[in-house]
Amino acid sequence: MTTLLPNTTASLYEQDYLLWIEATLNQLREGKLTELDITNLIEEIEDMGNSQKSALLSNLRILLMHLLKWKYQPDKRSNSWKYTIVEHRKRILKSFKISPSLKRYFDEVFNECYQDAIELASAETGLPEKHFPQQCPFNPENTLEHGYLPDENC
């Protein structure tokens, strides 16, 4: 049985994404640059970068939220919270090893993510948002420091 392929790689992109990837890789390897579906290739590369940034934002928000919970609800601390802090810290640090330029993005979005973390911590703990300081009580370096857990007095 013969599989009919679309006339262009652009229509292949719409009909069979995996096959489009394989065809694009072959065209790149063989130097057939004029046959590339440039529009969709650019879109995919942009999406890859956005995906890394989105993952960093998510991990940072979760990390900051759990650091807030750890600091402001000491009587409710648990190994589960500690695990979440360690896990998301590791994810962020691993993303820096894979893409060192993400560190610059981390620094740019740190305060914005902290504001998001206040809202998330409030929703999860039932504490009002005003219970948490508007200025982040943790600096970016401490946040990523192995073993760092804020105490009530930091």
N, C-alpha and C. Protein backbone atom coordinates (compact mmCIF):
# COMPACT_ATOMS: atom_id res chain seq x y z
N MET A 1 0.84 -1.17 0.00
CA MET A 1 0.00 0.00 0.00
C MET A 1 0.88 1.23 0.00
N THR A 2 0.63 2.14 -0.89
CA THR A 2 1.44 3.35 -1.04
C THR A 2 0.77 4.50 -0.32
N THR A 3 1.55 5.24 0.46
CA THR A 3 1.03 6.42 1.14
C THR A 3 1.25 7.62 0.24
N LEU A 4 0.19 8.34 -0.01
CA LEU A 4 0.30 9.55 -0.83
C LEU A 4 0.74 10.70 0.06
N LEU A 5 1.78 11.37 -0.36
CA LEU A 5 2.28 12.52 0.39
C LEU A 5 1.72 13.79 -0.20
N PRO A 6 1.47 14.77 0.65
CA PRO A 6 1.00 16.06 0.15
C PRO A 6 2.01 16.66 -0.81
N ASN A 7 1.54 17.57 -1.66
CA ASN A 7 2.39 18.19 -2.68
C ASN A 7 3.50 19.05 -2.09
N THR A 8 3.25 19.69 -0.97
CA THR A 8 4.26 20.58 -0.38
C THR A 8 4.50 20.20 1.07
N THR A 9 5.67 20.60 1.57
CA THR A 9 5.93 20.35 2.98
C THR A 9 5.04 21.20 3.86
N ALA A 10 4.55 22.33 3.35
CA ALA A 10 3.63 23.16 4.13
C ALA A 10 2.33 22.41 4.38
N SER A 11 1.80 21.73 3.36
CA SER A 11 0.58 20.96 3.59
C SER A 11 0.88 19.71 4.41
N LEU A 12 2.09 19.16 4.29
CA LEU A 12 2.50 18.04 5.12
C LEU A 12 2.46 18.44 6.59
N TYR A 13 2.88 19.64 6.87
CA TYR A 13 2.87 20.16 8.25
C TYR A 13 1.46 20.09 8.82
N GLU A 14 0.47 20.43 8.03
CA GLU A 14 -0.93 20.42 8.48
C GLU A 14 -1.49 19.00 8.60
N GLN A 15 -0.98 18.07 7.80
CA GLN A 15 -1.58 16.74 7.73
C GLN A 15 -0.88 15.70 8.61
N ASP A 16 0.44 15.81 8.76
CA ASP A 16 1.17 14.80 9.54
C ASP A 16 2.42 15.46 10.11
N TYR A 17 2.30 15.96 11.31
CA TYR A 17 3.36 16.74 11.93
C TYR A 17 4.67 15.96 12.04
N LEU A 18 4.60 14.72 12.50
CA LEU A 18 5.82 13.92 12.65
C LEU A 18 6.49 13.68 11.30
N LEU A 19 5.71 13.39 10.29
CA LEU A 19 6.27 13.20 8.96
C LEU A 19 6.90 14.50 8.45
N TRP A 20 6.29 15.64 8.78
CA TRP A 20 6.85 16.95 8.40
C TRP A 20 8.21 17.14 9.07
N ILE A 21 8.32 16.78 10.35
CA ILE A 21 9.60 16.90 11.06
C ILE A 21 10.66 16.04 10.37
N GLU A 22 10.31 14.79 10.07
CA GLU A 22 11.27 13.89 9.42
C GLU A 22 11.70 14.44 8.06
N ALA A 23 10.75 14.94 7.28
CA ALA A 23 11.07 15.50 5.97
C ALA A 23 11.96 16.73 6.11
N THR A 24 11.66 17.57 7.08
CA THR A 24 12.45 18.78 7.31
C THR A 24 13.87 18.42 7.72
N LEU A 25 14.02 17.46 8.61
CA LEU A 25 15.36 17.02 9.02
C LEU A 25 16.14 16.48 7.83
N ASN A 26 15.50 15.68 7.01
CA ASN A 26 16.17 15.15 5.81
C ASN A 26 16.60 16.28 4.87
N GLN A 27 15.73 17.25 4.66
CA GLN A 27 16.07 18.38 3.78
C GLN A 27 17.25 19.16 4.35
N LEU A 28 17.28 19.35 5.65
CA LEU A 28 18.40 20.06 6.27
C LEU A 28 19.69 19.26 6.13
N ARG A 29 19.63 17.97 6.43
CA ARG A 29 20.82 17.12 6.34
C ARG A 29 21.37 17.05 4.91
N GLU A 30 20.48 17.05 3.95
CA GLU A 30 20.88 16.94 2.55
C GLU A 30 21.16 18.30 1.91
N GLY A 31 21.02 19.36 2.69
CA GLY A 31 21.30 20.70 2.17
C GLY A 31 20.27 21.21 1.18
N LYS A 32 19.09 20.65 1.20
CA LYS A 32 18.02 21.07 0.28
C LYS A 32 17.25 22.25 0.89
N LEU A 33 17.96 23.33 1.07
CA LEU A 33 17.39 24.47 1.78
C LEU A 33 16.25 25.14 1.03
N THR A 34 16.27 25.08 -0.28
CA THR A 34 15.19 25.71 -1.06
C THR A 34 13.88 24.95 -0.94
N GLU A 35 13.94 23.70 -0.49
CA GLU A 35 12.72 22.89 -0.34
C GLU A 35 12.10 23.02 1.04
N LEU A 36 12.79 23.69 1.95
CA LEU A 36 12.30 23.81 3.33
C LEU A 36 11.01 24.61 3.42
N ASP A 37 10.18 24.21 4.34
CA ASP A 37 8.95 24.94 4.69
C ASP A 37 9.37 25.98 5.74
N ILE A 38 9.94 27.07 5.26
CA ILE A 38 10.54 28.08 6.14
C ILE A 38 9.54 28.67 7.12
N THR A 39 8.34 28.98 6.67
CA THR A 39 7.35 29.62 7.54
C THR A 39 7.06 28.77 8.77
N ASN A 40 6.77 27.50 8.56
CA ASN A 40 6.47 26.62 9.69
C ASN A 40 7.72 26.27 10.50
N LEU A 41 8.87 26.20 9.85
CA LEU A 41 10.12 25.94 10.56
C LEU A 41 10.43 27.08 11.53
N ILE A 42 10.26 28.32 11.09
CA ILE A 42 10.48 29.48 11.95
C ILE A 42 9.51 29.43 13.13
N GLU A 43 8.26 29.13 12.85
CA GLU A 43 7.25 29.06 13.91
C GLU A 43 7.62 28.01 14.95
N GLU A 44 8.07 26.86 14.49
CA GLU A 44 8.45 25.78 15.41
C GLU A 44 9.65 26.16 16.27
N ILE A 45 10.63 26.82 15.68
CA ILE A 45 11.81 27.24 16.44
C ILE A 45 11.41 28.28 17.48
N GLU A 46 10.56 29.22 17.10
CA GLU A 46 10.07 30.21 18.07
C GLU A 46 9.32 29.52 19.21
N ASP A 47 8.49 28.54 18.87
CA ASP A 47 7.74 27.81 19.88
C ASP A 47 8.66 27.07 20.85
N MET A 48 9.78 26.56 20.34
CA MET A 48 10.73 25.86 21.20
C MET A 48 11.28 26.81 22.25
N GLY A 49 11.66 28.02 21.84
CA GLY A 49 12.16 29.01 22.79
C GLY A 49 11.10 29.43 23.78
N ASN A 50 9.89 29.64 23.29
CA ASN A 50 8.79 30.02 24.17
C ASN A 50 8.46 28.92 25.17
N SER A 51 8.60 27.69 24.74
CA SER A 51 8.33 26.55 25.62
C SER A 51 9.33 26.52 26.78
N GLN A 52 10.60 26.78 26.49
CA GLN A 52 11.60 26.81 27.56
C GLN A 52 11.32 27.94 28.54
N LYS A 53 10.94 29.09 28.01
CA LYS A 53 10.62 30.23 28.88
C LYS A 53 9.39 29.94 29.73
N SER A 54 8.39 29.34 29.13
CA SER A 54 7.16 29.01 29.84
C SER A 54 7.43 28.02 30.97
N ALA A 55 8.25 27.02 30.71
CA ALA A 55 8.61 26.05 31.74
C ALA A 55 9.35 26.73 32.89
N LEU A 56 10.25 27.64 32.56
CA LEU A 56 10.98 28.37 33.59
C LEU A 56 10.01 29.19 34.45
N LEU A 57 9.09 29.90 33.82
CA LEU A 57 8.10 30.70 34.56
C LEU A 57 7.30 29.81 35.51
N SER A 58 6.84 28.69 35.02
CA SER A 58 6.04 27.78 35.84
C SER A 58 6.84 27.26 37.03
N ASN A 59 8.06 26.81 36.78
CA ASN A 59 8.90 26.30 37.86
C ASN A 59 9.24 27.37 38.88
N LEU A 60 9.50 28.58 38.43
CA LEU A 60 9.84 29.67 39.34
C LEU A 60 8.63 30.06 40.19
N ARG A 61 7.46 30.16 39.59
CA ARG A 61 6.24 30.49 40.36
C ARG A 61 6.00 29.46 41.46
N ILE A 62 6.11 28.19 41.10
CA ILE A 62 5.87 27.12 42.08
C ILE A 62 6.92 27.16 43.18
N LEU A 63 8.18 27.36 42.80
CA LEU A 63 9.25 27.45 43.79
C LEU A 63 9.00 28.61 44.75
N LEU A 64 8.71 29.79 44.22
CA LEU A 64 8.48 30.95 45.08
C LEU A 64 7.25 30.77 45.95
N MET A 65 6.19 30.19 45.41
CA MET A 65 4.99 29.95 46.20
C MET A 65 5.30 29.05 47.39
N HIS A 66 6.06 28.00 47.16
CA HIS A 66 6.38 27.08 48.25
C HIS A 66 7.36 27.70 49.26
N LEU A 67 8.25 28.54 48.79
CA LEU A 67 9.12 29.26 49.74
C LEU A 67 8.29 30.19 50.62
N LEU A 68 7.29 30.84 50.03
CA LEU A 68 6.38 31.69 50.82
C LEU A 68 5.61 30.86 51.85
N LYS A 69 5.07 29.75 51.41
CA LYS A 69 4.34 28.89 52.34
C LYS A 69 5.26 28.42 53.46
N TRP A 70 6.49 28.05 53.11
CA TRP A 70 7.45 27.58 54.10
C TRP A 70 7.74 28.67 55.13
N LYS A 71 7.91 29.89 54.66
CA LYS A 71 8.25 31.00 55.54
C LYS A 71 7.07 31.44 56.40
N TYR A 72 5.89 31.52 55.80
CA TYR A 72 4.75 32.15 56.49
C TYR A 72 3.75 31.16 57.07
N GLN A 73 3.98 29.89 56.93
CA GLN A 73 3.17 28.88 57.60
C GLN A 73 4.07 27.81 58.20
N PRO A 74 4.94 28.21 59.14
CA PRO A 74 5.92 27.26 59.67
C PRO A 74 5.28 26.06 60.37
N ASP A 75 4.10 26.23 60.92
CA ASP A 75 3.43 25.13 61.61
C ASP A 75 2.87 24.09 60.65
N LYS A 76 2.82 24.41 59.38
CA LYS A 76 2.28 23.48 58.38
C LYS A 76 3.36 22.91 57.46
N ARG A 77 4.62 23.17 57.76
CA ARG A 77 5.71 22.67 56.93
C ARG A 77 5.64 21.15 56.82
N SER A 78 5.99 20.67 55.65
CA SER A 78 5.95 19.22 55.43
C SER A 78 7.08 18.81 54.49
N ASN A 79 7.35 17.52 54.49
CA ASN A 79 8.34 17.00 53.55
C ASN A 79 7.88 17.18 52.12
N SER A 80 6.58 17.18 51.91
CA SER A 80 6.04 17.41 50.57
C SER A 80 6.41 18.80 50.07
N TRP A 81 6.29 19.80 50.93
CA TRP A 81 6.69 21.17 50.54
C TRP A 81 8.18 21.21 50.24
N LYS A 82 8.96 20.57 51.12
CA LYS A 82 10.42 20.56 50.91
C LYS A 82 10.76 19.88 49.59
N TYR A 83 10.10 18.77 49.30
CA TYR A 83 10.32 18.07 48.04
C TYR A 83 10.02 18.99 46.86
N THR A 84 8.89 19.69 46.91
CA THR A 84 8.50 20.58 45.81
C THR A 84 9.54 21.68 45.62
N ILE A 85 10.05 22.23 46.71
CA ILE A 85 11.08 23.26 46.63
C ILE A 85 12.33 22.70 45.95
N VAL A 86 12.79 21.55 46.41
CA VAL A 86 13.99 20.93 45.84
C VAL A 86 13.77 20.58 44.37
N GLU A 87 12.64 19.99 44.05
CA GLU A 87 12.35 19.55 42.67
C GLU A 87 12.33 20.73 41.70
N HIS A 88 11.64 21.80 42.05
CA HIS A 88 11.53 22.93 41.11
C HIS A 88 12.82 23.74 41.04
N ARG A 89 13.57 23.77 42.12
CA ARG A 89 14.90 24.39 42.09
C ARG A 89 15.79 23.61 41.12
N LYS A 90 15.76 22.28 41.21
CA LYS A 90 16.57 21.44 40.31
C LYS A 90 16.15 21.63 38.86
N ARG A 91 14.86 21.72 38.61
CA ARG A 91 14.39 21.92 37.23
C ARG A 91 14.92 23.23 36.66
N ILE A 92 14.88 24.28 37.48
CA ILE A 92 15.38 25.59 37.02
C ILE A 92 16.87 25.51 36.74
N LEU A 93 17.63 24.95 37.67
CA LEU A 93 19.08 24.87 37.49
C LEU A 93 19.44 24.00 36.28
N LYS A 94 18.69 22.92 36.07
CA LYS A 94 18.94 22.08 34.90
C LYS A 94 18.65 22.85 33.61
N SER A 95 17.60 23.68 33.62
CA SER A 95 17.29 24.47 32.42
C SER A 95 18.42 25.45 32.11
N PHE A 96 19.11 25.96 33.15
CA PHE A 96 20.25 26.86 32.94
C PHE A 96 21.42 26.11 32.30
N LYS A 97 21.60 24.83 32.67
CA LYS A 97 22.67 24.03 32.06
C LYS A 97 22.39 23.78 30.59
N ILE A 98 21.13 23.51 30.27
CA ILE A 98 20.74 23.23 28.89
C ILE A 98 20.78 24.51 28.05
N SER A 99 20.29 25.60 28.63
CA SER A 99 20.21 26.90 27.93
C SER A 99 20.67 28.01 28.87
N PRO A 100 21.98 28.26 28.95
CA PRO A 100 22.50 29.26 29.89
C PRO A 100 21.86 30.64 29.75
N SER A 101 21.38 31.00 28.57
CA SER A 101 20.77 32.32 28.40
C SER A 101 19.46 32.45 29.17
N LEU A 102 18.89 31.33 29.62
CA LEU A 102 17.67 31.41 30.44
C LEU A 102 17.92 32.09 31.78
N LYS A 103 19.17 32.09 32.24
CA LYS A 103 19.49 32.76 33.51
C LYS A 103 19.16 34.25 33.42
N ARG A 104 19.47 34.85 32.30
CA ARG A 104 19.16 36.27 32.10
C ARG A 104 17.64 36.48 32.14
N TYR A 105 16.90 35.58 31.51
CA TYR A 105 15.44 35.66 31.51
C TYR A 105 14.90 35.48 32.93
N PHE A 106 15.49 34.54 33.68
CA PHE A 106 15.13 34.32 35.08
C PHE A 106 15.24 35.62 35.87
N ASP A 107 16.35 36.32 35.70
CA ASP A 107 16.55 37.59 36.41
C ASP A 107 15.51 38.62 36.00
N GLU A 108 15.14 38.64 34.73
CA GLU A 108 14.16 39.61 34.23
C GLU A 108 12.76 39.36 34.80
N VAL A 109 12.38 38.11 34.97
CA VAL A 109 11.00 37.79 35.36
C VAL A 109 10.85 37.44 36.84
N PHE A 110 11.93 37.49 37.60
CA PHE A 110 11.89 37.07 39.00
C PHE A 110 10.81 37.82 39.79
N ASN A 111 10.81 39.14 39.73
CA ASN A 111 9.85 39.91 40.52
C ASN A 111 8.42 39.71 40.04
N GLU A 112 8.23 39.59 38.74
CA GLU A 112 6.89 39.31 38.20
C GLU A 112 6.39 37.95 38.70
N CYS A 113 7.26 36.96 38.71
CA CYS A 113 6.87 35.63 39.19
C CYS A 113 6.58 35.67 40.68
N TYR A 114 7.31 36.50 41.41
CA TYR A 114 7.02 36.62 42.84
C TYR A 114 5.60 37.15 43.06
N GLN A 115 5.20 38.14 42.29
CA GLN A 115 3.83 38.67 42.41
C GLN A 115 2.81 37.57 42.11
N ASP A 116 3.08 36.76 41.11
CA ASP A 116 2.19 35.63 40.82
C ASP A 116 2.18 34.64 41.98
N ALA A 117 3.35 34.41 42.58
CA ALA A 117 3.47 33.46 43.68
C ALA A 117 2.66 33.92 44.89
N ILE A 118 2.58 35.23 45.12
CA ILE A 118 1.75 35.74 46.21
C ILE A 118 0.30 35.32 46.00
N GLU A 119 -0.19 35.54 44.79
CA GLU A 119 -1.58 35.18 44.48
C GLU A 119 -1.80 33.67 44.63
N LEU A 120 -0.86 32.87 44.15
CA LEU A 120 -0.98 31.42 44.26
C LEU A 120 -0.92 30.96 45.71
N ALA A 121 0.01 31.52 46.49
CA ALA A 121 0.13 31.15 47.90
C ALA A 121 -1.13 31.53 48.67
N SER A 122 -1.67 32.69 48.37
CA SER A 122 -2.91 33.12 49.02
C SER A 122 -4.05 32.16 48.70
N ALA A 123 -4.17 31.79 47.44
CA ALA A 123 -5.24 30.87 47.03
C ALA A 123 -5.09 29.51 47.69
N GLU A 124 -3.85 29.04 47.84
CA GLU A 124 -3.63 27.71 48.39
C GLU A 124 -3.73 27.68 49.92
N THR A 125 -3.28 28.75 50.57
CA THR A 125 -3.24 28.76 52.04
C THR A 125 -4.49 29.37 52.67
N GLY A 126 -5.21 30.18 51.92
CA GLY A 126 -6.34 30.90 52.50
C GLY A 126 -5.93 32.18 53.20
N LEU A 127 -4.63 32.45 53.23
CA LEU A 127 -4.14 33.70 53.82
C LEU A 127 -4.39 34.83 52.83
N PRO A 128 -4.72 36.02 53.31
CA PRO A 128 -4.91 37.14 52.37
C PRO A 128 -3.59 37.52 51.70
N GLU A 129 -3.67 38.03 50.49
CA GLU A 129 -2.46 38.43 49.76
C GLU A 129 -1.64 39.44 50.55
N LYS A 130 -2.30 40.31 51.30
CA LYS A 130 -1.58 41.33 52.07
C LYS A 130 -0.75 40.73 53.20
N HIS A 131 -0.97 39.44 53.50
CA HIS A 131 -0.17 38.74 54.51
C HIS A 131 1.28 38.58 54.05
N PHE A 132 1.47 38.57 52.74
CA PHE A 132 2.80 38.38 52.16
C PHE A 132 3.37 39.73 51.74
N PRO A 133 4.68 39.94 51.93
CA PRO A 133 5.26 41.24 51.55
C PRO A 133 5.23 41.46 50.04
N GLN A 134 5.03 42.71 49.65
CA GLN A 134 5.03 43.05 48.22
C GLN A 134 6.41 42.91 47.61
N GLN A 135 7.45 43.19 48.40
CA GLN A 135 8.84 42.98 47.96
C GLN A 135 9.24 41.56 48.32
N CYS A 136 9.83 40.87 47.41
CA CYS A 136 10.22 39.49 47.64
C CYS A 136 11.24 39.40 48.78
N PRO A 137 10.95 38.57 49.80
CA PRO A 137 11.89 38.43 50.92
C PRO A 137 13.08 37.53 50.60
N PHE A 138 13.10 36.96 49.42
CA PHE A 138 14.21 36.09 48.99
C PHE A 138 14.86 36.73 47.78
N ASN A 139 16.18 36.63 47.72
CA ASN A 139 16.83 37.14 46.51
C ASN A 139 16.99 35.98 45.52
N PRO A 140 17.20 36.29 44.26
CA PRO A 140 17.29 35.22 43.26
C PRO A 140 18.37 34.18 43.57
N GLU A 141 19.48 34.62 44.14
CA GLU A 141 20.57 33.68 44.44
C GLU A 141 20.14 32.70 45.53
N ASN A 142 19.53 33.22 46.62
CA ASN A 142 19.07 32.33 47.70
C ASN A 142 18.05 31.34 47.18
N THR A 143 17.17 31.82 46.34
CA THR A 143 16.10 30.99 45.82
C THR A 143 16.65 29.73 45.15
N LEU A 144 17.79 29.87 44.49
CA LEU A 144 18.38 28.74 43.76
C LEU A 144 19.45 28.00 44.56
N GLU A 145 19.77 28.49 45.74
CA GLU A 145 20.84 27.90 46.55
C GLU A 145 20.43 26.54 47.09
N HIS A 146 21.30 25.55 46.89
CA HIS A 146 21.05 24.20 47.38
C HIS A 146 20.79 24.23 48.89
N GLY A 147 19.69 23.64 49.30
CA GLY A 147 19.38 23.53 50.72
C GLY A 147 18.75 24.76 51.35
N TYR A 148 18.64 25.85 50.61
CA TYR A 148 18.07 27.07 51.18
C TYR A 148 16.58 26.89 51.48
N LEU A 149 16.23 27.16 52.73
CA LEU A 149 14.84 27.22 53.17
C LEU A 149 14.73 28.44 54.08
N PRO A 150 13.81 29.34 53.81
CA PRO A 150 13.70 30.53 54.65
C PRO A 150 13.12 30.18 56.01
N ASP A 151 13.63 30.84 57.03
CA ASP A 151 13.00 30.67 58.34
C ASP A 151 12.05 31.84 58.56
N GLU A 152 11.38 31.85 59.67
CA GLU A 152 10.39 32.89 59.94
C GLU A 152 11.02 34.27 60.07
N ASN A 153 12.29 34.35 60.36
CA ASN A 153 12.94 35.63 60.64
C ASN A 153 13.74 36.19 59.47
N CYS A 154 13.73 35.51 58.31
CA CYS A 154 14.60 35.99 57.22
C CYS A 154 14.02 37.18 56.50
